[in-house]
Amino acid sequence: MEFRVKEEQTPGTFLGSISQKYNDKRDGLRFILARPSHTTTDDLFEVDSVSGNITTTAVIDREVLCQFTPGCVVRLEVAAQTNDNFFDIIDIDIVIEDINDNSPTFSQQSVALSISEAVLTGGSLIIDGARDIDKSELFSLQGYSLEPQISGDALPFSVNFVRSLDGGSKVKIIVNEILDRETRDSYRFFLLAKDGGSPPKQGSMFVTVTSLT
């Protein structure tokens, strides 16, 4: 049997009932949670011994429970038994669904970079980007943009990125125009990281790029 629940729900959230498996409604049927899949799930769920209702007993943080896996499934075994020697084991999968509860975050608030004015267009600077620990494809890191410190300021850069399996990323700041240090020797802007939520969550880092001879 499979049930689903979104993470971060209040304790007592109803997932479903095991009793639907037994349409003959055996007299005196009782349910006992036999074995959680591992100790971290011991206090997350309970099964009502009479109704077979499964409810949460704690707030579930999917990113803590399934830190290194894209899917998050808790497996339980429930024993169903009666006084007339009926006995059955029910295998239950509880799918923990991700919500957009984390924003992309940078490891530092600002970074200072330097680049030669002789760099050709298409040259780039590579830096550590933001990390978003939400595991679903929708709520994970989706893209970057550059926002000048002064509104309307033209930047000779664009941005691209590569996402890693742990939710982090590498950012490539790409030079789109020939740089002339005598005309302008530095650029200041915010690097914005956004996820796929609606509305999206975002994080930012302030970047200074200095053009060197």
C-alpha atoms as a PDB file:
ATOM      1  CA  MET A   1       0.000   0.000   0.000  1.00  0.00           C
ATOM      2  CA  GLU A   2       1.154   3.532  -0.692  1.00  0.00           C
ATOM      3  CA  PHE A   3       0.307   6.795   1.018  1.00  0.00           C
ATOM      4  CA  ARG A   4       1.601  10.297   0.378  1.00  0.00           C
ATOM      5  CA  VAL A   5       2.185  13.294   2.614  1.00  0.00           C
ATOM      6  CA  LYS A   6       3.807  16.667   2.072  1.00  0.00           C
ATOM      7  CA  GLU A   7       6.702  17.584   4.321  1.00  0.00           C
ATOM      8  CA  GLU A   8       6.326  20.203   7.090  1.00  0.00           C
ATOM      9  CA  GLN A   9       2.703  19.264   7.879  1.00  0.00           C
ATOM     10  CA  THR A  10       1.467  19.550  11.455  1.00  0.00           C
ATOM     11  CA  PRO A  11       1.507  16.438  13.672  1.00  0.00           C
ATOM     12  CA  GLY A  12      -1.737  14.492  13.383  1.00  0.00           C
ATOM     13  CA  THR A  13      -1.971  14.853   9.599  1.00  0.00           C
ATOM     14  CA  PHE A  14      -4.089  11.998   8.197  1.00  0.00           C
ATOM     15  CA  LEU A  15      -2.509   9.901   5.429  1.00  0.00           C
ATOM     16  CA  GLY A  16      -5.089   7.173   4.944  1.00  0.00           C
ATOM     17  CA  SER A  17      -6.418   3.965   6.456  1.00  0.00           C
ATOM     18  CA  ILE A  18      -5.126   0.411   6.225  1.00  0.00           C
ATOM     19  CA  SER A  19      -8.593  -0.953   6.977  1.00  0.00           C
ATOM     20  CA  GLN A  20      -9.584  -0.494   3.310  1.00  0.00           C
ATOM     21  CA  LYS A  21      -7.513  -3.602   2.601  1.00  0.00           C
ATOM     22  CA  TYR A  22      -9.952  -5.710   4.628  1.00  0.00           C
ATOM     23  CA  ASN A  23     -13.389  -5.281   3.104  1.00  0.00           C
ATOM     24  CA  ASP A  24     -14.761  -8.299   4.933  1.00  0.00           C
ATOM     25  CA  LYS A  25     -14.403  -6.296   8.180  1.00  0.00           C
ATOM     26  CA  ARG A  26     -13.194  -9.122  10.384  1.00  0.00           C
ATOM     27  CA  ASP A  27     -14.446  -8.891  13.960  1.00  0.00           C
ATOM     28  CA  GLY A  28     -11.846  -7.764  16.466  1.00  0.00           C
ATOM     29  CA  LEU A  29      -9.294  -6.753  13.829  1.00  0.00           C
ATOM     30  CA  ARG A  30      -6.372  -4.841  15.372  1.00  0.00           C
ATOM     31  CA  PHE A  31      -3.386  -3.110  13.807  1.00  0.00           C
ATOM     32  CA  ILE A  32       0.124  -2.861  15.228  1.00  0.00           C
ATOM     33  CA  LEU A  33       3.061  -0.953  13.767  1.00  0.00           C
ATOM     34  CA  ALA A  34       5.585  -3.755  13.467  1.00  0.00           C
ATOM     35  CA  ARG A  35       8.828  -2.256  12.227  1.00  0.00           C
ATOM     36  CA  PRO A  36       9.924   1.118  10.866  1.00  0.00           C
ATOM     37  CA  SER A  37      12.482   0.932   8.060  1.00  0.00           C
ATOM     38  CA  HIS A  38      15.128   2.678  10.169  1.00  0.00           C
ATOM     39  CA  THR A  39      15.363   4.438  13.512  1.00  0.00           C
ATOM     40  CA  THR A  40      14.950   7.973  12.141  1.00  0.00           C
ATOM     41  CA  THR A  41      11.309   7.163  11.322  1.00  0.00           C
ATOM     42  CA  ASP A  42      10.425   5.762  14.743  1.00  0.00           C
ATOM     43  CA  ASP A  43       8.569   8.868  15.885  1.00  0.00           C
ATOM     44  CA  LEU A  44       7.144  10.108  12.583  1.00  0.00           C
ATOM     45  CA  PHE A  45       4.012   7.960  12.166  1.00  0.00           C
ATOM     46  CA  GLU A  46       1.471   6.044  14.184  1.00  0.00           C
ATOM     47  CA  VAL A  47      -1.255   3.577  13.299  1.00  0.00           C
ATOM     48  CA  ASP A  48      -4.531   3.545  15.196  1.00  0.00           C
ATOM     49  CA  SER A  49      -5.003   0.008  16.462  1.00  0.00           C
ATOM     50  CA  VAL A  50      -8.759  -0.048  15.764  1.00  0.00           C
ATOM     51  CA  SER A  51      -9.374   2.140  12.701  1.00  0.00           C
ATOM     52  CA  GLY A  52      -6.064   1.492  10.949  1.00  0.00           C
ATOM     53  CA  ASN A  53      -5.685   5.218  10.318  1.00  0.00           C
ATOM     54  CA  ILE A  54      -2.118   6.361   9.670  1.00  0.00           C
ATOM     55  CA  THR A  55      -1.205   9.822  10.950  1.00  0.00           C
ATOM     56  CA  THR A  56       1.974  11.804  11.443  1.00  0.00           C
ATOM     57  CA  THR A  57       3.316  12.310  14.940  1.00  0.00           C
ATOM     58  CA  ALA A  58       5.931  14.966  14.144  1.00  0.00           C
ATOM     59  CA  VAL A  59       6.801  17.620  11.587  1.00  0.00           C
ATOM     60  CA  ILE A  60       8.707  15.892   8.768  1.00  0.00           C
ATOM     61  CA  ASP A  61      11.650  17.669   7.154  1.00  0.00           C
ATOM     62  CA  ARG A  62      12.232  15.878   3.879  1.00  0.00           C
ATOM     63  CA  GLU A  63      15.715  17.350   3.398  1.00  0.00           C
ATOM     64  CA  VAL A  64      16.824  15.928   6.759  1.00  0.00           C
ATOM     65  CA  LEU A  65      15.096  12.563   6.368  1.00  0.00           C
ATOM     66  CA  CYS A  66      16.303  11.905   2.794  1.00  0.00           C
ATOM     67  CA  GLN A  67      19.295  14.180   2.510  1.00  0.00           C
ATOM     68  CA  PHE A  68      21.100  12.372  -0.292  1.00  0.00           C
ATOM     69  CA  THR A  69      18.265  10.886  -2.355  1.00  0.00           C
ATOM     70  CA  PRO A  70      16.049  12.510  -5.008  1.00  0.00           C
ATOM     71  CA  GLY A  71      13.072  10.415  -3.876  1.00  0.00           C
ATOM     72  CA  CYS A  72      11.943  10.040  -0.277  1.00  0.00           C
ATOM     73  CA  VAL A  73      10.019   6.918   0.743  1.00  0.00           C
ATOM     74  CA  VAL A  74       9.544   5.602   4.278  1.00  0.00           C
ATOM     75  CA  ARG A  75       8.730   1.892   4.453  1.00  0.00           C
ATOM     76  CA  LEU A  76       6.684   0.519   7.316  1.00  0.00           C
ATOM     77  CA  GLU A  77       5.317  -2.876   8.277  1.00  0.00           C
ATOM     78  CA  VAL A  78       1.984  -3.135  10.039  1.00  0.00           C
ATOM     79  CA  ALA A  79       0.626  -6.333  11.544  1.00  0.00           C
ATOM     80  CA  ALA A  80      -3.120  -6.996  11.283  1.00  0.00           C
ATOM     81  CA  GLN A  81      -4.505  -9.667  13.612  1.00  0.00           C
ATOM     82  CA  THR A  82      -7.682 -10.913  15.259  1.00  0.00           C
ATOM     83  CA  ASN A  83      -8.523 -13.093  18.222  1.00  0.00           C
ATOM     84  CA  ASP A  84      -9.450 -15.986  15.902  1.00  0.00           C
ATOM     85  CA  ASN A  85      -5.818 -16.411  14.775  1.00  0.00           C
ATOM     86  CA  PHE A  86      -6.014 -14.322  11.609  1.00  0.00           C
ATOM     87  CA  PHE A  87      -2.648 -12.627  11.012  1.00  0.00           C
ATOM     88  CA  ASP A  88      -1.322 -10.550   8.135  1.00  0.00           C
ATOM     89  CA  ILE A  89       1.654  -8.258   7.468  1.00  0.00           C
ATOM     90  CA  ILE A  90       1.057  -5.145   5.394  1.00  0.00           C
ATOM     91  CA  ASP A  91       3.966  -3.450   3.622  1.00  0.00           C
ATOM     92  CA  ILE A  92       3.422   0.292   3.439  1.00  0.00           C
ATOM     93  CA  ASP A  93       5.324   2.908   1.443  1.00  0.00           C
ATOM     94  CA  ILE A  94       4.895   6.502   2.581  1.00  0.00           C
ATOM     95  CA  VAL A  95       6.080   8.996  -0.026  1.00  0.00           C
ATOM     96  CA  ILE A  96       7.292  12.273   1.482  1.00  0.00           C
ATOM     97  CA  GLU A  97       6.563  15.026  -1.034  1.00  0.00           C
ATOM     98  CA  ASP A  98       8.829  18.051  -1.304  1.00  0.00           C
ATOM     99  CA  ILE A  99       7.553  21.594  -0.796  1.00  0.00           C
ATOM    100  CA  ASN A 100       9.386  24.794  -1.654  1.00  0.00           C
ATOM    101  CA  ASP A 101      10.613  25.512   1.867  1.00  0.00           C
ATOM    102  CA  ASN A 102      14.219  26.455   1.039  1.00  0.00           C
ATOM    103  CA  SER A 103      15.697  29.370  -0.882  1.00  0.00           C
ATOM    104  CA  PRO A 104      18.890  29.254  -2.937  1.00  0.00           C
ATOM    105  CA  THR A 105      21.701  30.410  -0.641  1.00  0.00           C
ATOM    106  CA  PHE A 106      25.254  31.546  -1.292  1.00  0.00           C
ATOM    107  CA  SER A 107      28.146  30.666   1.014  1.00  0.00           C
ATOM    108  CA  GLN A 108      29.193  34.325   1.139  1.00  0.00           C
ATOM    109  CA  GLN A 109      27.440  37.666   0.775  1.00  0.00           C
ATOM    110  CA  SER A 110      29.917  39.209  -1.663  1.00  0.00           C
ATOM    111  CA  VAL A 111      32.884  38.356  -3.857  1.00  0.00           C
ATOM    112  CA  ALA A 112      35.572  40.456  -5.581  1.00  0.00           C
ATOM    113  CA  LEU A 113      36.887  39.210  -8.926  1.00  0.00           C
ATOM    114  CA  SER A 114      39.469  40.469 -11.379  1.00  0.00           C
ATOM    115  CA  ILE A 115      39.848  39.915 -15.107  1.00  0.00           C
ATOM    116  CA  SER A 116      42.315  41.082 -17.743  1.00  0.00           C
ATOM    117  CA  GLU A 117      41.026  43.767 -20.095  1.00  0.00           C
ATOM    118  CA  ALA A 118      42.667  41.735 -22.872  1.00  0.00           C
ATOM    119  CA  VAL A 119      40.221  38.866 -22.399  1.00  0.00           C
ATOM    120  CA  LEU A 120      38.382  37.926 -25.566  1.00  0.00           C
ATOM    121  CA  THR A 121      34.608  37.862 -25.812  1.00  0.00           C
ATOM    122  CA  GLY A 122      33.427  34.482 -24.641  1.00  0.00           C
ATOM    123  CA  GLY A 123      36.009  34.410 -21.867  1.00  0.00           C
ATOM    124  CA  SER A 124      34.632  33.756 -18.419  1.00  0.00           C
ATOM    125  CA  LEU A 125      35.065  33.749 -14.673  1.00  0.00           C
ATOM    126  CA  ILE A 126      33.930  30.630 -12.792  1.00  0.00           C
ATOM    127  CA  ILE A 127      32.784  30.906  -9.183  1.00  0.00           C
ATOM    128  CA  ASP A 128      30.842  28.868  -6.638  1.00  0.00           C
ATOM    129  CA  GLY A 129      27.145  29.523  -7.007  1.00  0.00           C
ATOM    130  CA  ALA A 130      24.150  29.121  -4.740  1.00  0.00           C
ATOM    131  CA  ARG A 131      22.880  25.897  -3.209  1.00  0.00           C
ATOM    132  CA  ASP A 132      19.231  24.887  -2.881  1.00  0.00           C
ATOM    133  CA  ILE A 133      18.613  21.773  -0.791  1.00  0.00           C
ATOM    134  CA  ASP A 134      15.042  21.236  -2.052  1.00  0.00           C
ATOM    135  CA  LYS A 135      15.217  17.954  -3.979  1.00  0.00           C
ATOM    136  CA  SER A 136      12.318  18.141  -6.416  1.00  0.00           C
ATOM    137  CA  GLU A 137      13.178  19.315  -9.923  1.00  0.00           C
ATOM    138  CA  LEU A 138      10.622  22.121  -9.732  1.00  0.00           C
ATOM    139  CA  PHE A 139      11.735  23.589  -6.411  1.00  0.00           C
ATOM    140  CA  SER A 140      15.486  23.221  -6.945  1.00  0.00           C
ATOM    141  CA  LEU A 141      17.778  25.860  -8.433  1.00  0.00           C
ATOM    142  CA  GLN A 142      16.533  26.870 -11.897  1.00  0.00           C
ATOM    143  CA  GLY A 143      18.610  29.801 -13.082  1.00  0.00           C
ATOM    144  CA  TYR A 144      20.665  32.940 -12.554  1.00  0.00           C
ATOM    145  CA  SER A 145      20.467  36.550 -13.627  1.00  0.00           C
ATOM    146  CA  LEU A 146      22.627  39.649 -13.222  1.00  0.00           C
ATOM    147  CA  GLU A 147      21.194  42.828 -11.731  1.00  0.00           C
ATOM    148  CA  PRO A 148      23.369  45.974 -11.834  1.00  0.00           C
ATOM    149  CA  GLN A 149      23.905  47.816  -8.575  1.00  0.00           C
ATOM    150  CA  ILE A 150      22.694  50.983 -10.281  1.00  0.00           C
ATOM    151  CA  SER A 151      19.458  50.528 -12.191  1.00  0.00           C
ATOM    152  CA  GLY A 152      19.954  50.840 -15.937  1.00  0.00           C
ATOM    153  CA  ASP A 153      23.702  50.302 -15.785  1.00  0.00           C
ATOM    154  CA  ALA A 154      24.824  48.259 -18.796  1.00  0.00           C
ATOM    155  CA  LEU A 155      26.876  45.170 -17.989  1.00  0.00           C
ATOM    156  CA  PRO A 156      29.174  43.467 -20.524  1.00  0.00           C
ATOM    157  CA  PHE A 157      28.453  40.060 -18.986  1.00  0.00           C
ATOM    158  CA  SER A 158      25.971  37.216 -19.156  1.00  0.00           C
ATOM    159  CA  VAL A 159      25.665  34.208 -16.876  1.00  0.00           C
ATOM    160  CA  ASN A 160      25.416  30.451 -17.185  1.00  0.00           C
ATOM    161  CA  PHE A 161      25.606  27.667 -14.621  1.00  0.00           C
ATOM    162  CA  VAL A 162      25.954  23.960 -13.985  1.00  0.00           C
ATOM    163  CA  ARG A 163      24.004  22.333 -11.148  1.00  0.00           C
ATOM    164  CA  SER A 164      25.580  19.601  -9.009  1.00  0.00           C
ATOM    165  CA  LEU A 165      23.892  16.597  -7.406  1.00  0.00           C
ATOM    166  CA  ASP A 166      24.087  18.040  -3.876  1.00  0.00           C
ATOM    167  CA  GLY A 167      22.013  21.087  -4.838  1.00  0.00           C
ATOM    168  CA  GLY A 168      25.027  23.351  -5.356  1.00  0.00           C
ATOM    169  CA  SER A 169      26.191  24.937  -8.587  1.00  0.00           C
ATOM    170  CA  LYS A 170      29.091  26.447 -10.485  1.00  0.00           C
ATOM    171  CA  VAL A 171      28.470  29.812 -12.127  1.00  0.00           C
ATOM    172  CA  LYS A 172      30.176  31.082 -15.265  1.00  0.00           C
ATOM    173  CA  ILE A 173      30.207  34.862 -15.740  1.00  0.00           C
ATOM    174  CA  ILE A 174      30.767  35.292 -19.474  1.00  0.00           C
ATOM    175  CA  VAL A 175      32.349  38.333 -21.137  1.00  0.00           C
ATOM    176  CA  ASN A 176      30.132  39.517 -24.006  1.00  0.00           C
ATOM    177  CA  GLU A 177      32.004  42.680 -25.022  1.00  0.00           C
ATOM    178  CA  ILE A 178      35.588  43.877 -25.324  1.00  0.00           C
ATOM    179  CA  LEU A 179      36.670  45.466 -22.028  1.00  0.00           C
ATOM    180  CA  ASP A 180      38.416  48.851 -21.983  1.00  0.00           C
ATOM    181  CA  ARG A 181      39.944  49.656 -18.608  1.00  0.00           C
ATOM    182  CA  GLU A 182      40.538  53.296 -19.575  1.00  0.00           C
ATOM    183  CA  THR A 183      36.817  53.716 -20.160  1.00  0.00           C
ATOM    184  CA  ARG A 184      35.676  51.679 -17.161  1.00  0.00           C
ATOM    185  CA  ASP A 185      37.751  49.702 -14.705  1.00  0.00           C
ATOM    186  CA  SER A 186      35.112  47.984 -12.541  1.00  0.00           C
ATOM    187  CA  TYR A 187      31.579  46.618 -12.548  1.00  0.00           C
ATOM    188  CA  ARG A 188      29.291  46.020  -9.596  1.00  0.00           C
ATOM    189  CA  PHE A 189      26.179  43.884  -9.702  1.00  0.00           C
ATOM    190  CA  PHE A 190      24.067  41.334  -7.872  1.00  0.00           C
ATOM    191  CA  LEU A 191      24.137  37.691  -8.902  1.00  0.00           C
ATOM    192  CA  LEU A 192      20.577  36.416  -8.386  1.00  0.00           C
ATOM    193  CA  ALA A 193      19.707  32.730  -8.041  1.00  0.00           C
ATOM    194  CA  LYS A 194      16.084  31.595  -8.385  1.00  0.00           C
ATOM    195  CA  ASP A 195      14.241  28.320  -7.898  1.00  0.00           C
ATOM    196  CA  GLY A 196      11.129  27.114  -9.714  1.00  0.00           C
ATOM    197  CA  GLY A 197       8.523  27.875  -7.075  1.00  0.00           C
ATOM    198  CA  SER A 198       5.483  30.081  -7.654  1.00  0.00           C
ATOM    199  CA  PRO A 199       6.421  32.687  -6.670  1.00  0.00           C
ATOM    200  CA  PRO A 200      10.098  31.703  -6.916  1.00  0.00           C
ATOM    201  CA  LYS A 201      12.409  31.974  -3.939  1.00  0.00           C
ATOM    202  CA  GLN A 202      15.736  33.642  -4.591  1.00  0.00           C
ATOM    203  CA  GLY A 203      19.126  34.374  -3.073  1.00  0.00           C
ATOM    204  CA  SER A 204      21.706  36.982  -4.035  1.00  0.00           C
ATOM    205  CA  MET A 205      25.417  37.720  -3.828  1.00  0.00           C
ATOM    206  CA  PHE A 206      27.077  41.069  -4.529  1.00  0.00           C
ATOM    207  CA  VAL A 207      29.840  40.844  -7.142  1.00  0.00           C
ATOM    208  CA  THR A 208      32.608  43.297  -8.004  1.00  0.00           C
ATOM    209  CA  VAL A 209      34.605  42.655 -11.182  1.00  0.00           C
ATOM    210  CA  THR A 210      37.758  44.727 -11.686  1.00  0.00           C
ATOM    211  CA  SER A 211      39.395  45.018 -15.094  1.00  0.00           C
ATOM    212  CA  LEU A 212      43.205  44.754 -14.984  1.00  0.00           C
ATOM    213  CA  THR A 213      45.837  45.654 -17.555  1.00  0.00           C
END
